[in-house]
Amino acid sequence: MKNLCFFSEMKLFQDQGPVNSFIQKETEYNKAKVINYLKSGKKIASCPRKAIDCVTGTQISDSFSLHTDGEYCWGDFLVYHLEKYNIGLPRDFLKKINA
């Protein structure tokens, strides 16, 4: 399974780098379509650990969940970051969901 945007600030099992390395001036994809796709993923695990805004360090939730589409895996905190910031996503993922 391919992990999607596990920012180092979350200090999780998969560290793909700091959130600032993902932030862009503008997104090259349909943000609403990507968010809807991520929200429709199958929940595969929940963690009672705090989720944070990786830019500001403030707590956004008392827990978080991991989701999948069978190929990619992401935390629900990714949706928060996409709604608030312009996060760059892998081209192969965007191509897969036609965003």
C-alpha atoms as a PDB file:
ATOM      1  CA  MET A   1       0.000   0.000   0.000  1.00  0.00           C
ATOM      2  CA  LYS A   2       1.239   3.495  -0.841  1.00  0.00           C
ATOM      3  CA  ASN A   3       1.122   6.065   1.956  1.00  0.00           C
ATOM      4  CA  LEU A   4      -0.203   9.499   1.087  1.00  0.00           C
ATOM      5  CA  CYS A   5       1.101  12.635   2.830  1.00  0.00           C
ATOM      6  CA  PHE A   6       2.140  11.376   6.255  1.00  0.00           C
ATOM      7  CA  PHE A   7       3.829  14.604   7.334  1.00  0.00           C
ATOM      8  CA  SER A   8       6.819  14.326   9.678  1.00  0.00           C
ATOM      9  CA  GLU A   9       5.164  16.683  12.186  1.00  0.00           C
ATOM     10  CA  MET A  10       2.648  13.931  13.025  1.00  0.00           C
ATOM     11  CA  LYS A  11       5.533  11.649  14.102  1.00  0.00           C
ATOM     12  CA  LEU A  12       3.903   8.515  12.698  1.00  0.00           C
ATOM     13  CA  PHE A  13       5.270   5.253  11.362  1.00  0.00           C
ATOM     14  CA  GLN A  14       5.665   6.722   7.894  1.00  0.00           C
ATOM     15  CA  ASP A  15       7.490  10.033   7.545  1.00  0.00           C
ATOM     16  CA  GLN A  16       7.263  11.536   4.076  1.00  0.00           C
ATOM     17  CA  GLY A  17       8.748  14.883   5.035  1.00  0.00           C
ATOM     18  CA  PRO A  18       7.636  18.145   6.618  1.00  0.00           C
ATOM     19  CA  VAL A  19       4.327  19.684   5.605  1.00  0.00           C
ATOM     20  CA  ASN A  20       6.107  22.783   4.277  1.00  0.00           C
ATOM     21  CA  SER A  21       7.679  20.646   1.542  1.00  0.00           C
ATOM     22  CA  PHE A  22       4.136  19.814   0.326  1.00  0.00           C
ATOM     23  CA  ILE A  23       2.631  23.321   0.427  1.00  0.00           C
ATOM     24  CA  GLN A  24       2.246  25.054  -2.936  1.00  0.00           C
ATOM     25  CA  LYS A  25       1.008  28.474  -4.042  1.00  0.00           C
ATOM     26  CA  GLU A  26      -1.799  26.839  -6.015  1.00  0.00           C
ATOM     27  CA  THR A  27      -3.035  23.310  -6.480  1.00  0.00           C
ATOM     28  CA  GLU A  28      -2.813  21.664  -9.877  1.00  0.00           C
ATOM     29  CA  TYR A  29      -5.920  19.582  -9.254  1.00  0.00           C
ATOM     30  CA  ASN A  30      -9.597  19.848  -8.433  1.00  0.00           C
ATOM     31  CA  LYS A  31      -9.390  20.194  -4.651  1.00  0.00           C
ATOM     32  CA  ALA A  32     -13.093  19.494  -4.020  1.00  0.00           C
ATOM     33  CA  LYS A  33     -12.912  16.284  -6.064  1.00  0.00           C
ATOM     34  CA  VAL A  34      -9.847  15.058  -4.168  1.00  0.00           C
ATOM     35  CA  ILE A  35     -11.414  15.855  -0.778  1.00  0.00           C
ATOM     36  CA  ASN A  36     -14.608  14.009  -1.714  1.00  0.00           C
ATOM     37  CA  TYR A  37     -12.557  11.023  -2.864  1.00  0.00           C
ATOM     38  CA  LEU A  38     -10.543  10.921   0.372  1.00  0.00           C
ATOM     39  CA  LYS A  39     -13.691  11.237   2.499  1.00  0.00           C
ATOM     40  CA  SER A  40     -15.177   8.219   0.704  1.00  0.00           C
ATOM     41  CA  GLY A  41     -12.228   5.952   1.540  1.00  0.00           C
ATOM     42  CA  LYS A  42     -12.703   2.866   3.694  1.00  0.00           C
ATOM     43  CA  LYS A  43     -11.713   3.355   7.340  1.00  0.00           C
ATOM     44  CA  ILE A  44      -9.166   0.707   8.287  1.00  0.00           C
ATOM     45  CA  ALA A  45      -7.952   1.889  11.697  1.00  0.00           C
ATOM     46  CA  SER A  46      -8.473   4.521  14.361  1.00  0.00           C
ATOM     47  CA  CYS A  47      -5.868   5.916  16.698  1.00  0.00           C
ATOM     48  CA  PRO A  48      -6.585   7.614  20.044  1.00  0.00           C
ATOM     49  CA  ARG A  49      -3.637   9.918  19.455  1.00  0.00           C
ATOM     50  CA  LYS A  50      -4.032  13.664  18.907  1.00  0.00           C
ATOM     51  CA  ALA A  51      -3.997  14.986  15.360  1.00  0.00           C
ATOM     52  CA  ILE A  52      -2.393  18.365  14.802  1.00  0.00           C
ATOM     53  CA  ASP A  53      -2.366  21.101  12.215  1.00  0.00           C
ATOM     54  CA  CYS A  54       1.128  20.390  10.938  1.00  0.00           C
ATOM     55  CA  VAL A  55       1.668  24.039   9.980  1.00  0.00           C
ATOM     56  CA  THR A  56       0.669  25.705  13.251  1.00  0.00           C
ATOM     57  CA  GLY A  57       1.134  22.792  15.680  1.00  0.00           C
ATOM     58  CA  THR A  58      -2.339  23.283  17.162  1.00  0.00           C
ATOM     59  CA  GLN A  59      -4.472  20.284  17.987  1.00  0.00           C
ATOM     60  CA  ILE A  60      -7.272  19.622  15.485  1.00  0.00           C
ATOM     61  CA  SER A  61      -8.682  16.415  16.965  1.00  0.00           C
ATOM     62  CA  ASP A  62      -8.330  14.060  19.944  1.00  0.00           C
ATOM     63  CA  SER A  63      -7.875  11.141  17.539  1.00  0.00           C
ATOM     64  CA  PHE A  64      -7.539  10.288  13.873  1.00  0.00           C
ATOM     65  CA  SER A  65      -8.401   7.478  11.491  1.00  0.00           C
ATOM     66  CA  LEU A  66      -6.589   5.836   8.612  1.00  0.00           C
ATOM     67  CA  HIS A  67      -8.410   5.273   5.336  1.00  0.00           C
ATOM     68  CA  THR A  68      -7.695   3.421   2.102  1.00  0.00           C
ATOM     69  CA  ASP A  69      -8.899   2.896  -1.433  1.00  0.00           C
ATOM     70  CA  GLY A  70      -7.078  -0.419  -1.671  1.00  0.00           C
ATOM     71  CA  GLU A  71      -3.954   1.123  -3.190  1.00  0.00           C
ATOM     72  CA  TYR A  72      -3.304   4.265  -1.116  1.00  0.00           C
ATOM     73  CA  CYS A  73      -3.513   4.869   2.630  1.00  0.00           C
ATOM     74  CA  TRP A  74      -4.034   8.283   4.288  1.00  0.00           C
ATOM     75  CA  GLY A  75      -4.979   9.824   7.599  1.00  0.00           C
ATOM     76  CA  ASP A  76      -8.162  11.851   7.902  1.00  0.00           C
ATOM     77  CA  PHE A  77      -5.944  14.747   8.977  1.00  0.00           C
ATOM     78  CA  LEU A  78      -4.960  14.984   5.294  1.00  0.00           C
ATOM     79  CA  VAL A  79      -8.477  16.192   4.461  1.00  0.00           C
ATOM     80  CA  TYR A  80      -8.115  18.952   7.067  1.00  0.00           C
ATOM     81  CA  HIS A  81      -4.815  20.065   5.545  1.00  0.00           C
ATOM     82  CA  LEU A  82      -6.216  20.001   2.000  1.00  0.00           C
ATOM     83  CA  GLU A  83      -9.172  22.139   3.068  1.00  0.00           C
ATOM     84  CA  LYS A  84      -6.907  24.671   4.768  1.00  0.00           C
ATOM     85  CA  TYR A  85      -3.726  24.642   2.662  1.00  0.00           C
ATOM     86  CA  ASN A  86      -2.623  23.961  -0.917  1.00  0.00           C
ATOM     87  CA  ILE A  87      -0.998  20.571  -0.480  1.00  0.00           C
ATOM     88  CA  GLY A  88       0.811  18.985  -3.404  1.00  0.00           C
ATOM     89  CA  LEU A  89      -0.169  15.381  -4.084  1.00  0.00           C
ATOM     90  CA  PRO A  90       1.589  12.661  -6.098  1.00  0.00           C
ATOM     91  CA  ARG A  91       0.805  12.769  -9.805  1.00  0.00           C
ATOM     92  CA  ASP A  92       0.106   9.020  -9.952  1.00  0.00           C
ATOM     93  CA  PHE A  93      -2.586   9.442  -7.260  1.00  0.00           C
ATOM     94  CA  LEU A  94      -4.162  12.405  -9.062  1.00  0.00           C
ATOM     95  CA  LYS A  95      -4.112  10.491 -12.340  1.00  0.00           C
ATOM     96  CA  LYS A  96      -5.762   7.488 -10.681  1.00  0.00           C
ATOM     97  CA  ILE A  97      -8.693   9.551  -9.406  1.00  0.00           C
ATOM     98  CA  ASN A  98      -8.760  11.776 -12.510  1.00  0.00           C
ATOM     99  CA  ALA A  99      -8.390  14.999 -10.533  1.00  0.00           C
END
